[in-house]
Amino acid sequence: MFRLDERSHKAMYEQVMDNLKELIMTNVMKENDKVPSVRELSEQLMINPNTVQKAYKELEREGYIYTVSGKGSFVSGKSEIKRDPEKVKALLNNVGDSFRGLLMLGYSPEDAASLVQGTVMESLDSAKKKL
């Protein structure tokens, strides 16, 4: 269910967040499903409970989960997810950087755009299959 990579450049709490986001966005975990408790998940992943707690706090801040006192954390509706304009800008910059990188490798603007569009379409197909 969860995949953590100790060699990754990403912090463990970010990896926990990414795993939960993927489960939510691919409908493996649906709205109002209970999220594992901090203790359960930290034991399962063999990581510090503070790491899981940090991930949960950030997921709640971003709108992916909500907490009910004494009951635990649950998956929010997708409409509750907050789209951080800075993250959107950074991700779009990555697409632009990739496009410019292809140009620097000698691709024509049209061929580079076609490669980027093909990658986007493959990602869209993959996302649809997970839904």
Protein backbone atom coordinates (compact mmCIF):
# COMPACT_ATOMS: atom_id res chain seq x y z
CA MET A 1 0.00 0.00 0.00
CA PHE A 2 2.72 2.50 1.00
CA ARG A 3 6.12 2.78 -0.62
CA LEU A 4 8.91 4.63 1.15
CA ASP A 5 12.37 4.98 -0.33
CA GLU A 6 15.10 5.63 2.22
CA ARG A 7 17.43 6.70 -0.60
CA SER A 8 14.99 9.29 -1.97
CA HIS A 9 15.84 12.97 -1.85
CA LYS A 10 12.33 13.53 -0.49
CA ALA A 11 11.76 13.66 3.24
CA MET A 12 9.87 10.70 4.74
CA TYR A 13 6.86 12.86 5.67
CA GLU A 14 6.63 14.02 2.05
CA GLN A 15 6.71 10.42 0.86
CA VAL A 16 3.91 9.56 3.30
CA MET A 17 1.94 12.52 1.94
CA ASP A 18 2.55 11.49 -1.67
CA ASN A 19 1.40 7.94 -0.95
CA LEU A 20 -1.81 9.09 0.71
CA LYS A 21 -2.47 11.66 -2.03
CA GLU A 22 -2.12 8.94 -4.68
CA LEU A 23 -4.50 6.63 -2.80
CA ILE A 24 -7.03 9.44 -2.51
CA MET A 25 -6.73 10.74 -6.06
CA THR A 26 -6.98 7.24 -7.57
CA ASN A 27 -10.07 6.46 -5.47
CA VAL A 28 -8.41 3.64 -3.56
CA MET A 29 -9.38 5.69 -0.52
CA LYS A 30 -12.71 7.42 -0.93
CA GLU A 31 -14.36 10.39 0.73
CA ASN A 32 -14.95 9.81 4.46
CA ASP A 33 -12.78 6.66 4.56
CA LYS A 34 -10.80 6.44 7.78
CA VAL A 35 -7.09 7.05 7.43
CA PRO A 36 -4.81 4.77 9.50
CA SER A 37 -4.01 6.27 12.89
CA VAL A 38 -0.63 7.88 13.38
CA ARG A 39 0.41 4.99 15.60
CA GLU A 40 -0.79 2.33 13.14
CA LEU A 41 0.94 3.89 10.16
CA SER A 42 4.17 4.64 11.99
CA GLU A 43 4.35 1.01 13.17
CA GLN A 44 3.50 -0.32 9.70
CA LEU A 45 6.15 1.84 8.03
CA MET A 46 8.61 1.58 10.92
CA ILE A 47 9.07 5.35 11.10
CA ASN A 48 8.77 7.88 13.89
CA PRO A 49 5.16 8.80 14.78
CA ASN A 50 6.16 12.48 14.59
CA THR A 51 6.93 11.96 10.90
CA VAL A 52 3.43 10.60 10.25
CA GLN A 53 1.89 13.35 12.38
CA LYS A 54 3.70 16.00 10.33
CA ALA A 55 2.43 14.43 7.11
CA TYR A 56 -1.15 14.31 8.45
CA LYS A 57 -1.03 17.96 9.57
CA GLU A 58 0.16 19.03 6.13
CA LEU A 59 -2.44 16.85 4.37
CA GLU A 60 -5.12 18.42 6.52
CA ARG A 61 -3.82 21.92 5.75
CA GLU A 62 -3.96 21.08 2.02
CA GLY A 63 -7.51 19.72 2.35
CA TYR A 64 -6.88 16.04 1.62
CA ILE A 65 -7.96 14.83 5.06
CA TYR A 66 -9.89 16.12 8.05
CA THR A 67 -9.72 15.15 11.70
CA VAL A 68 -12.59 14.42 14.07
CA SER A 69 -11.52 14.74 17.68
CA GLY A 70 -11.49 11.36 19.38
CA LYS A 71 -12.37 9.52 16.14
CA GLY A 72 -9.34 9.95 13.89
CA SER A 73 -8.59 11.31 10.44
CA PHE A 74 -10.71 10.82 7.34
CA VAL A 75 -10.48 11.47 3.60
CA SER A 76 -11.98 14.80 2.53
CA GLY A 77 -13.97 15.33 -0.62
CA LYS A 78 -11.80 16.18 -3.61
CA SER A 79 -13.50 19.57 -3.82
CA GLU A 80 -11.86 20.42 -0.47
CA ILE A 81 -8.32 20.11 -1.82
CA LYS A 82 -6.56 23.46 -1.90
CA ARG A 83 -4.55 24.12 -5.03
CA ASP A 84 -1.45 25.98 -3.94
CA PRO A 85 -0.74 28.57 -6.66
CA GLU A 86 3.00 28.39 -5.95
CA LYS A 87 3.05 24.60 -6.43
CA VAL A 88 1.03 24.92 -9.63
CA LYS A 89 3.48 27.52 -10.91
CA ALA A 90 6.48 25.33 -10.00
CA LEU A 91 4.99 22.30 -11.75
CA LEU A 92 4.22 24.29 -14.88
CA ASN A 93 7.76 25.67 -14.80
CA ASN A 94 9.01 22.06 -14.78
CA VAL A 95 7.03 21.41 -17.97
CA GLY A 96 8.55 24.54 -19.50
CA ASP A 97 12.04 23.49 -18.41
CA SER A 98 11.52 20.07 -19.98
CA PHE A 99 10.37 21.68 -23.22
CA ARG A 100 13.42 23.97 -23.29
CA GLY A 101 15.65 20.98 -22.51
CA LEU A 102 14.28 19.15 -25.54
CA LEU A 103 15.00 22.21 -27.69
CA MET A 104 18.58 22.23 -26.39
CA LEU A 105 18.91 18.58 -27.42
CA GLY A 106 18.19 19.64 -30.97
CA TYR A 107 14.47 18.97 -31.31
CA SER A 108 12.45 21.43 -33.33
CA PRO A 109 9.83 23.36 -31.34
CA GLU A 110 7.11 21.31 -33.03
CA ASP A 111 8.80 17.97 -32.26
CA ALA A 112 9.51 19.01 -28.67
CA ALA A 113 5.88 20.08 -28.21
CA SER A 114 4.72 16.78 -29.68
CA LEU A 115 6.92 14.82 -27.24
CA VAL A 116 5.64 16.82 -24.27
CA GLN A 117 2.04 16.41 -25.45
CA GLY A 118 2.57 12.67 -25.90
CA THR A 119 3.88 12.38 -22.35
CA VAL A 120 0.91 14.35 -21.02
CA MET A 121 -1.51 12.09 -22.92
CA GLU A 122 0.20 8.96 -21.54
CA SER A 123 -0.11 10.38 -18.03
CA LEU A 124 -3.78 11.16 -18.65
CA ASP A 125 -4.44 7.61 -19.87
CA SER A 126 -2.63 6.19 -16.83
CA ALA A 127 -4.62 8.42 -14.46
CA LYS A 128 -7.92 7.39 -16.09
CA LYS A 129 -7.05 3.71 -15.64
CA LYS A 130 -6.50 4.27 -11.92
CA LEU A 131 -9.88 5.95 -11.53
